[in-house]
Amino acid sequence: MNKNKRYFVVEGQDDEFILRSLLPQELLQDTKIIVAGGYSAALSVAQTLLTLTPLPIVIFFDTDTFSEKEIEEKKAIY
């Protein structure tokens, strides 16, 4: 039986490590974290999940930059 209540999609293993370090175990025990292998792959995985499950899907992205200008540009896109 599938015990997942939600899906978290992350770009890479470092992102998964950060989430597992920050979030409470009670939340993680019924959450499936999917490491997609990059930005585009994470978008693709999330789009596929939307067609396969009614469960909530959260996508975690980082900006891969410290440039305020680039961060603002990326925020404007999404």
N, C-alpha and C. Protein backbone atom coordinates (compact mmCIF):
# COMPACT_ATOMS: atom_id res chain seq x y z
N MET A 1 0.84 -1.18 0.00
CA MET A 1 0.00 0.00 0.00
C MET A 1 0.88 1.24 0.00
N ASN A 2 0.51 2.22 -0.80
CA ASN A 2 1.28 3.46 -0.91
C ASN A 2 0.94 4.38 0.26
N LYS A 3 1.91 4.68 1.09
CA LYS A 3 1.67 5.52 2.26
C LYS A 3 1.98 7.00 2.01
N ASN A 4 2.41 7.33 0.78
CA ASN A 4 2.77 8.71 0.48
C ASN A 4 1.55 9.62 0.52
N LYS A 5 1.74 10.78 1.11
CA LYS A 5 0.69 11.81 1.14
C LYS A 5 1.05 13.00 0.26
N ARG A 6 2.30 13.03 -0.17
CA ARG A 6 2.77 14.15 -1.00
C ARG A 6 4.07 13.76 -1.68
N TYR A 7 4.41 14.51 -2.72
CA TYR A 7 5.67 14.33 -3.41
C TYR A 7 6.46 15.63 -3.36
N PHE A 8 7.74 15.53 -3.07
CA PHE A 8 8.66 16.64 -3.19
C PHE A 8 9.63 16.30 -4.31
N VAL A 9 9.76 17.18 -5.28
CA VAL A 9 10.68 16.98 -6.39
C VAL A 9 11.82 17.97 -6.22
N VAL A 10 13.04 17.46 -6.22
CA VAL A 10 14.22 18.31 -6.05
C VAL A 10 15.17 18.10 -7.23
N GLU A 11 16.04 19.07 -7.43
CA GLU A 11 16.99 19.00 -8.54
C GLU A 11 18.07 17.95 -8.32
N GLY A 12 18.65 17.92 -7.14
CA GLY A 12 19.79 17.04 -6.93
C GLY A 12 19.86 16.46 -5.54
N GLN A 13 20.88 15.65 -5.33
CA GLN A 13 21.06 14.97 -4.04
C GLN A 13 21.35 15.94 -2.91
N ASP A 14 22.07 17.01 -3.20
CA ASP A 14 22.32 18.01 -2.15
C ASP A 14 21.01 18.62 -1.67
N ASP A 15 20.09 18.86 -2.59
CA ASP A 15 18.78 19.42 -2.23
C ASP A 15 17.99 18.43 -1.36
N GLU A 16 18.06 17.17 -1.70
CA GLU A 16 17.40 16.14 -0.88
C GLU A 16 18.01 16.13 0.52
N PHE A 17 19.32 16.18 0.61
CA PHE A 17 20.00 16.19 1.91
C PHE A 17 19.54 17.38 2.76
N ILE A 18 19.45 18.54 2.13
CA ILE A 18 19.02 19.74 2.86
C ILE A 18 17.60 19.57 3.38
N LEU A 19 16.70 19.10 2.52
CA LEU A 19 15.32 18.89 2.96
C LEU A 19 15.24 17.90 4.11
N ARG A 20 15.94 16.79 3.97
CA ARG A 20 15.90 15.77 5.03
C ARG A 20 16.50 16.29 6.34
N SER A 21 17.43 17.24 6.23
CA SER A 21 18.04 17.82 7.43
C SER A 21 17.13 18.84 8.10
N LEU A 22 16.31 19.53 7.31
CA LEU A 22 15.51 20.63 7.84
C LEU A 22 14.10 20.25 8.26
N LEU A 23 13.52 19.29 7.55
CA LEU A 23 12.12 18.97 7.80
C LEU A 23 11.96 17.93 8.90
N PRO A 24 10.86 18.02 9.64
CA PRO A 24 10.64 17.05 10.72
C PRO A 24 10.36 15.65 10.17
N GLN A 25 10.79 14.65 10.90
CA GLN A 25 10.62 13.26 10.51
C GLN A 25 9.15 12.91 10.30
N GLU A 26 8.26 13.51 11.07
CA GLU A 26 6.83 13.25 10.94
C GLU A 26 6.33 13.62 9.55
N LEU A 27 6.88 14.65 8.97
CA LEU A 27 6.50 15.07 7.62
C LEU A 27 7.16 14.15 6.58
N LEU A 28 8.42 13.83 6.81
CA LEU A 28 9.17 13.04 5.84
C LEU A 28 8.69 11.59 5.73
N GLN A 29 8.14 11.05 6.81
CA GLN A 29 7.79 9.63 6.79
C GLN A 29 6.70 9.29 5.78
N ASP A 30 5.87 10.26 5.42
CA ASP A 30 4.85 9.98 4.41
C ASP A 30 4.99 10.88 3.18
N THR A 31 6.24 11.29 2.92
CA THR A 31 6.58 12.11 1.76
C THR A 31 7.58 11.38 0.90
N LYS A 32 7.31 11.32 -0.38
CA LYS A 32 8.26 10.73 -1.34
C LYS A 32 9.08 11.87 -1.94
N ILE A 33 10.39 11.85 -1.71
CA ILE A 33 11.29 12.83 -2.30
C ILE A 33 11.90 12.21 -3.55
N ILE A 34 11.74 12.90 -4.67
CA ILE A 34 12.27 12.42 -5.94
C ILE A 34 13.41 13.34 -6.37
N VAL A 35 14.60 12.76 -6.53
CA VAL A 35 15.76 13.49 -7.02
C VAL A 35 15.74 13.38 -8.54
N ALA A 36 15.50 14.51 -9.20
CA ALA A 36 15.28 14.48 -10.65
C ALA A 36 16.56 14.54 -11.47
N GLY A 37 17.60 15.17 -10.95
CA GLY A 37 18.84 15.26 -11.71
C GLY A 37 18.97 16.53 -12.51
N GLY A 38 18.44 17.61 -11.99
CA GLY A 38 18.59 18.91 -12.66
C GLY A 38 17.27 19.63 -12.78
N TYR A 39 17.37 20.89 -13.18
CA TYR A 39 16.22 21.78 -13.27
C TYR A 39 15.17 21.28 -14.26
N SER A 40 15.59 21.04 -15.49
CA SER A 40 14.65 20.60 -16.54
C SER A 40 14.03 19.26 -16.20
N ALA A 41 14.84 18.36 -15.66
CA ALA A 41 14.32 17.05 -15.27
C ALA A 41 13.30 17.18 -14.15
N ALA A 42 13.52 18.08 -13.21
CA ALA A 42 12.57 18.29 -12.11
C ALA A 42 11.23 18.78 -12.65
N LEU A 43 11.27 19.69 -13.61
CA LEU A 43 10.03 20.15 -14.23
C LEU A 43 9.31 19.00 -14.92
N SER A 44 10.05 18.19 -15.64
CA SER A 44 9.46 17.06 -16.36
C SER A 44 8.85 16.04 -15.40
N VAL A 45 9.56 15.73 -14.33
CA VAL A 45 9.05 14.78 -13.33
C VAL A 45 7.76 15.32 -12.72
N ALA A 46 7.76 16.58 -12.36
CA ALA A 46 6.57 17.18 -11.75
C ALA A 46 5.38 17.16 -12.71
N GLN A 47 5.62 17.46 -13.97
CA GLN A 47 4.54 17.43 -14.96
C GLN A 47 3.99 16.02 -15.12
N THR A 48 4.86 15.03 -15.11
CA THR A 48 4.41 13.65 -15.20
C THR A 48 3.60 13.25 -13.97
N LEU A 49 4.08 13.64 -12.80
CA LEU A 49 3.35 13.32 -11.58
C LEU A 49 1.95 13.92 -11.58
N LEU A 50 1.82 15.11 -12.14
CA LEU A 50 0.51 15.76 -12.19
C LEU A 50 -0.51 14.92 -12.94
N THR A 51 -0.04 14.14 -13.90
CA THR A 51 -0.96 13.29 -14.66
C THR A 51 -1.20 11.93 -13.99
N LEU A 52 -0.38 11.59 -13.01
CA LEU A 52 -0.45 10.25 -12.42
C LEU A 52 -1.05 10.19 -11.02
N THR A 53 -1.07 11.32 -10.32
CA THR A 53 -1.50 11.27 -8.92
C THR A 53 -2.30 12.52 -8.54
N PRO A 54 -3.26 12.33 -7.64
CA PRO A 54 -3.99 13.48 -7.10
C PRO A 54 -3.28 14.11 -5.89
N LEU A 55 -2.17 13.50 -5.48
CA LEU A 55 -1.46 13.98 -4.28
C LEU A 55 -0.77 15.31 -4.56
N PRO A 56 -0.55 16.11 -3.51
CA PRO A 56 0.18 17.37 -3.66
C PRO A 56 1.61 17.13 -4.13
N ILE A 57 2.07 18.03 -4.98
CA ILE A 57 3.43 17.96 -5.52
C ILE A 57 4.10 19.31 -5.27
N VAL A 58 5.26 19.26 -4.62
CA VAL A 58 6.03 20.48 -4.35
C VAL A 58 7.37 20.34 -5.07
N ILE A 59 7.73 21.39 -5.82
CA ILE A 59 9.00 21.40 -6.53
C ILE A 59 9.92 22.38 -5.83
N PHE A 60 11.12 21.94 -5.51
CA PHE A 60 12.12 22.79 -4.87
C PHE A 60 13.22 23.10 -5.88
N PHE A 61 13.40 24.39 -6.15
CA PHE A 61 14.47 24.84 -7.03
C PHE A 61 15.38 25.78 -6.26
N ASP A 62 16.62 25.84 -6.69
CA ASP A 62 17.49 26.90 -6.20
C ASP A 62 17.96 27.68 -7.42
N THR A 63 18.56 28.80 -7.18
CA THR A 63 18.91 29.69 -8.29
C THR A 63 20.28 29.41 -8.88
N ASP A 64 21.10 28.63 -8.17
CA ASP A 64 22.46 28.34 -8.63
C ASP A 64 23.28 29.61 -8.85
N THR A 65 22.94 30.66 -8.11
CA THR A 65 23.69 31.92 -8.23
C THR A 65 23.51 32.73 -6.95
N PHE A 66 24.41 33.66 -6.73
CA PHE A 66 24.27 34.62 -5.64
C PHE A 66 23.97 36.01 -6.18
N SER A 67 23.88 36.13 -7.50
CA SER A 67 23.62 37.41 -8.15
C SER A 67 22.16 37.82 -7.93
N GLU A 68 21.96 38.96 -7.27
CA GLU A 68 20.61 39.45 -7.00
C GLU A 68 19.83 39.65 -8.31
N LYS A 69 20.50 40.14 -9.32
CA LYS A 69 19.85 40.38 -10.61
C LYS A 69 19.34 39.07 -11.21
N GLU A 70 20.18 38.04 -11.23
CA GLU A 70 19.77 36.76 -11.78
C GLU A 70 18.66 36.12 -10.94
N ILE A 71 18.73 36.28 -9.64
CA ILE A 71 17.69 35.74 -8.76
C ILE A 71 16.36 36.40 -9.08
N GLU A 72 16.35 37.71 -9.20
CA GLU A 72 15.11 38.43 -9.51
C GLU A 72 14.56 38.04 -10.87
N GLU A 73 15.45 37.82 -11.84
CA GLU A 73 15.01 37.39 -13.17
C GLU A 73 14.34 36.02 -13.10
N LYS A 74 14.92 35.11 -12.35
CA LYS A 74 14.33 33.78 -12.22
C LYS A 74 13.01 33.83 -11.47
N LYS A 75 12.93 34.66 -10.46
CA LYS A 75 11.68 34.80 -9.71
C LYS A 75 10.57 35.34 -10.61
N ALA A 76 10.92 36.25 -11.51
CA ALA A 76 9.92 36.85 -12.40
C ALA A 76 9.34 35.81 -13.36
N ILE A 77 10.14 34.83 -13.72
CA ILE A 77 9.68 33.81 -14.66
C ILE A 77 8.63 32.92 -14.01
N TYR A 78 8.76 32.66 -12.72
CA TYR A 78 7.89 31.72 -12.04
C TYR A 78 6.97 32.40 -11.08
